[in-house]
Amino acid sequence: MPGVRRVLRGLYAISDAGLQPPDQLSHQVEAAIEGGAVLVQYRDKSPDQMLRRQQAAELVALCGAHGVPLLINDDVQLAVDCGAQGVHLGKDDSDPQTARRRLGAQAIIGVSCYNEWSRAEQAVAADADYIAFGRFFPSRTKPAATPAGTDLLRRARQAFKLPVAAIGGITPANGGPLVAAGADLLAVIQGLFAQPDVRQAARAYARLFKNPTRPD
């Protein structure tokens, strides 16, 4: 049996090691949580394993103190080592069932589906806890990512009984229609951690989930 599915809805904050000095990571993640983030992902593609373990452990403690789950991008072993609440998996990563066996029934496992409906079906069948589509807008983090349309959000809302995340160039100005189309989570990197006031930026995203118009 997979873990109990959380009711995940709101701002999904994704850290990026290139957007702040290492000693500012925890501070900025805490600001995002204080602004309304309901889920946090630690994303660092650097080869410095010691730094990654240290930062992940710090964020596990920080997020735990705020009652917000921390997921690790791509790296199931790091999630195991630091005691994170789960992982987010891309196309070239471990499959959800293998990750579940490693992390346990209560882990939160998310899967990137890009603009591929078949990948979403496979992720749901493999007991993922949420699926993510995108990019929806031009993205500085992944400028070459394939565009996705809001029809995927509407279709997923009708077809699946698990949270759906939207990612890619999302701002407070353009995120509302994604929530209205069916996005339970808005996954944001630059829109949060490249801003001068992370807390205020997070609040702007959180407001998009206040009484939005949702599909039937």
Protein backbone atom coordinates (compact mmCIF):
# COMPACT_ATOMS: atom_id res chain seq x y z
CA MET A 1 0.00 0.00 0.00
CA PRO A 2 1.29 3.48 -0.78
CA GLY A 3 1.47 6.10 1.92
CA VAL A 4 -1.55 8.10 2.93
CA ARG A 5 -1.99 10.82 0.31
CA ARG A 6 -1.62 14.25 1.76
CA VAL A 7 -4.01 17.03 0.87
CA LEU A 8 -1.43 19.12 -0.96
CA ARG A 9 -2.69 22.49 -2.09
CA GLY A 10 -0.88 25.80 -2.31
CA LEU A 11 2.58 27.15 -3.02
CA TYR A 12 5.30 24.56 -3.67
CA ALA A 13 8.67 26.23 -3.02
CA ILE A 14 11.65 24.76 -4.88
CA SER A 15 15.07 25.90 -3.71
CA ASP A 16 17.90 26.51 -6.15
CA ALA A 17 21.50 26.57 -4.98
CA GLY A 18 22.41 29.15 -7.61
CA LEU A 19 20.03 31.79 -6.29
CA GLN A 20 21.52 32.42 -2.86
CA PRO A 21 24.74 31.90 -0.89
CA PRO A 22 24.77 28.58 1.01
CA ASP A 23 24.41 30.35 4.36
CA GLN A 24 21.18 32.02 3.17
CA LEU A 25 19.37 28.86 2.05
CA SER A 26 17.64 28.04 5.33
CA HIS A 27 16.72 31.67 5.93
CA GLN A 28 15.11 32.01 2.52
CA VAL A 29 13.27 28.70 2.76
CA GLU A 30 11.91 29.73 6.15
CA ALA A 31 10.74 33.02 4.65
CA ALA A 32 8.91 31.09 1.92
CA ILE A 33 7.19 28.92 4.53
CA GLU A 34 6.24 31.96 6.60
CA GLY A 35 4.75 33.46 3.44
CA GLY A 36 2.56 30.42 2.87
CA ALA A 37 4.52 27.60 1.17
CA VAL A 38 2.89 24.23 1.94
CA LEU A 39 5.61 22.04 0.41
CA VAL A 40 9.36 22.53 -0.07
CA GLN A 41 11.79 20.80 -2.43
CA TYR A 42 15.56 20.86 -2.03
CA ARG A 43 17.11 21.08 -5.50
CA ASP A 44 20.88 21.23 -5.92
CA LYS A 45 22.65 19.77 -8.94
CA SER A 46 26.16 20.43 -7.62
CA PRO A 47 28.65 17.55 -7.12
CA ASP A 48 29.44 18.63 -3.55
CA GLN A 49 27.90 15.70 -1.70
CA MET A 50 28.95 16.90 1.75
CA LEU A 51 27.32 20.29 1.27
CA ARG A 52 24.18 18.72 -0.14
CA ARG A 53 23.86 16.38 2.86
CA GLN A 54 24.43 19.23 5.28
CA GLN A 55 21.91 21.52 3.63
CA ALA A 56 19.30 18.79 3.23
CA ALA A 57 19.59 17.87 6.91
CA GLU A 58 19.20 21.53 7.93
CA LEU A 59 16.10 21.87 5.78
CA VAL A 60 14.58 18.66 7.14
CA ALA A 61 14.88 20.12 10.65
CA LEU A 62 13.61 23.55 9.59
CA CYS A 63 10.63 22.26 7.63
CA GLY A 64 9.81 19.78 10.37
CA ALA A 65 9.67 22.59 12.92
CA HIS A 66 7.11 24.36 10.69
CA GLY A 67 5.12 21.23 9.88
CA VAL A 68 5.91 21.46 6.17
CA PRO A 69 7.16 18.41 4.23
CA LEU A 70 10.59 18.56 2.60
CA LEU A 71 11.21 16.61 -0.61
CA ILE A 72 14.55 15.98 -2.31
CA ASN A 73 14.92 16.52 -6.04
CA ASP A 74 16.00 13.37 -7.90
CA ASP A 75 18.16 11.82 -5.17
CA VAL A 76 16.43 8.96 -3.32
CA GLN A 77 19.60 8.08 -1.40
CA LEU A 78 19.94 11.63 -0.10
CA ALA A 79 16.30 11.55 0.98
CA VAL A 80 16.96 8.34 2.91
CA ASP A 81 20.15 9.68 4.48
CA CYS A 82 18.69 12.99 5.69
CA GLY A 83 15.24 11.74 6.67
CA ALA A 84 13.32 13.83 4.15
CA GLN A 85 9.59 13.26 3.74
CA GLY A 86 9.94 12.23 0.12
CA VAL A 87 11.37 12.83 -3.35
CA HIS A 88 10.49 14.41 -6.65
CA LEU A 89 11.45 12.28 -9.64
CA GLY A 90 12.20 13.28 -13.23
CA LYS A 91 12.37 11.26 -16.40
CA ASP A 92 15.87 9.91 -15.78
CA ASP A 93 15.46 9.14 -12.07
CA SER A 94 14.33 6.15 -10.07
CA ASP A 95 10.78 4.93 -10.68
CA PRO A 96 8.11 5.69 -8.04
CA GLN A 97 7.74 2.10 -6.87
CA THR A 98 11.47 1.72 -6.25
CA ALA A 99 11.50 5.02 -4.39
CA ARG A 100 8.52 3.86 -2.31
CA ARG A 101 10.34 0.71 -1.29
CA ARG A 102 13.36 2.76 -0.23
CA LEU A 103 11.49 5.55 1.57
CA GLY A 104 8.51 3.75 3.06
CA ALA A 105 4.76 3.89 2.85
CA GLN A 106 4.42 7.37 4.33
CA ALA A 107 6.79 9.09 1.87
CA ILE A 108 5.52 11.73 -0.54
CA ILE A 109 6.59 10.86 -4.07
CA GLY A 110 6.09 13.31 -6.93
CA VAL A 111 6.74 12.73 -10.60
CA SER A 112 7.48 15.19 -13.42
CA CYS A 113 5.21 14.46 -16.38
CA TYR A 114 6.24 17.44 -18.56
CA ASN A 115 3.51 17.57 -21.22
CA GLU A 116 3.15 13.77 -21.50
CA TRP A 117 -0.24 12.32 -20.60
CA SER A 118 1.05 8.74 -20.82
CA ARG A 119 3.73 9.52 -18.25
CA ALA A 120 1.05 10.90 -15.92
CA GLU A 121 -0.96 7.68 -16.28
CA GLN A 122 2.14 5.63 -15.51
CA ALA A 123 2.95 7.73 -12.44
CA VAL A 124 -0.57 7.38 -11.09
CA ALA A 125 -0.50 3.62 -11.69
CA ALA A 126 2.82 3.47 -9.81
CA ASP A 127 1.22 5.13 -6.75
CA ALA A 128 2.79 8.56 -7.01
CA ASP A 129 1.41 11.05 -4.48
CA TYR A 130 1.29 13.93 -6.96
CA ILE A 131 2.12 14.59 -10.59
CA ALA A 132 3.60 17.74 -12.12
CA PHE A 133 3.10 19.24 -15.58
CA GLY A 134 5.08 22.05 -17.20
CA ARG A 135 6.57 24.28 -18.28
CA PHE A 136 3.56 26.55 -18.66
CA PHE A 137 5.49 29.77 -19.28
CA PRO A 138 9.07 30.58 -20.36
CA SER A 139 11.41 29.41 -17.62
CA ARG A 140 14.83 30.74 -16.70
CA THR A 141 15.61 27.53 -14.80
CA LYS A 142 14.81 25.25 -17.77
CA PRO A 143 14.57 27.46 -20.86
CA ALA A 144 14.53 24.49 -23.24
CA ALA A 145 11.69 22.66 -21.46
CA THR A 146 8.75 21.63 -23.64
CA PRO A 147 5.65 23.83 -23.21
CA ALA A 148 2.53 22.40 -21.61
CA GLY A 149 -1.07 23.60 -21.91
CA THR A 150 -3.77 24.14 -19.30
CA ASP A 151 -5.82 21.40 -20.97
CA LEU A 152 -3.53 18.93 -19.19
CA LEU A 153 -4.52 20.40 -15.82
CA ARG A 154 -8.21 20.19 -16.63
CA ARG A 155 -7.91 16.65 -17.90
CA ALA A 156 -5.89 15.51 -14.89
CA ARG A 157 -8.37 17.09 -12.49
CA GLN A 158 -11.12 15.01 -14.06
CA ALA A 159 -9.16 11.78 -14.45
CA PHE A 160 -7.06 11.44 -11.29
CA LYS A 161 -7.66 11.60 -7.56
CA LEU A 162 -4.30 13.00 -6.56
CA PRO A 163 -2.80 16.50 -6.45
CA VAL A 164 -1.57 18.08 -9.67
CA ALA A 165 1.31 20.56 -9.71
CA ALA A 166 2.09 23.17 -12.36
CA ILE A 167 5.63 24.41 -12.92
CA GLY A 168 7.57 26.67 -15.25
CA GLY A 169 7.78 30.45 -15.28
CA ILE A 170 4.82 30.89 -12.92
CA THR A 171 4.32 34.29 -11.33
CA PRO A 172 1.56 35.75 -9.15
CA ALA A 173 0.34 37.52 -12.29
CA ASN A 174 -0.05 34.42 -14.46
CA GLY A 175 -0.64 31.69 -11.87
CA GLY A 176 -4.34 32.32 -11.25
CA PRO A 177 -5.56 30.69 -14.48
CA LEU A 178 -3.49 27.58 -13.68
CA VAL A 179 -5.20 27.23 -10.30
CA ALA A 180 -8.57 27.80 -11.97
CA ALA A 181 -7.73 25.10 -14.54
CA GLY A 182 -7.02 22.54 -11.82
CA ALA A 183 -3.52 23.02 -10.40
CA ASP A 184 -3.41 22.10 -6.71
CA LEU A 185 0.21 23.21 -6.39
CA LEU A 186 2.14 26.01 -8.05
CA ALA A 187 5.81 24.98 -8.08
CA VAL A 188 8.06 28.04 -8.08
CA ILE A 189 11.82 28.67 -8.09
CA GLN A 190 12.78 32.04 -9.59
CA GLY A 191 9.49 33.66 -8.67
CA LEU A 192 10.39 33.12 -5.02
CA PHE A 193 14.10 32.80 -4.48
CA ALA A 194 15.20 35.37 -7.06
CA GLN A 195 13.01 38.01 -5.43
CA PRO A 196 14.24 40.67 -2.97
CA ASP A 197 11.55 39.73 -0.41
CA VAL A 198 10.88 35.99 -0.43
CA ARG A 199 8.20 36.17 2.25
CA GLN A 200 6.18 38.77 0.38
CA ALA A 201 6.57 36.87 -2.88
CA ALA A 202 5.27 33.70 -1.21
CA ARG A 203 2.25 35.57 0.15
CA ALA A 204 1.39 36.75 -3.35
CA TYR A 205 1.31 33.15 -4.58
CA ALA A 206 -0.62 31.94 -1.54
CA ARG A 207 -3.35 34.48 -2.25
CA LEU A 208 -4.05 32.78 -5.58
CA PHE A 209 -5.52 29.84 -3.68
CA LYS A 210 -8.08 31.95 -1.82
CA ASN A 211 -11.48 31.02 -3.25
CA PRO A 212 -10.39 30.45 -6.86
CA THR A 213 -12.81 29.32 -9.55
CA ARG A 214 -12.20 25.61 -10.05
CA PRO A 215 -13.32 23.24 -12.83
CA ASP A 216 -16.26 20.94 -12.14
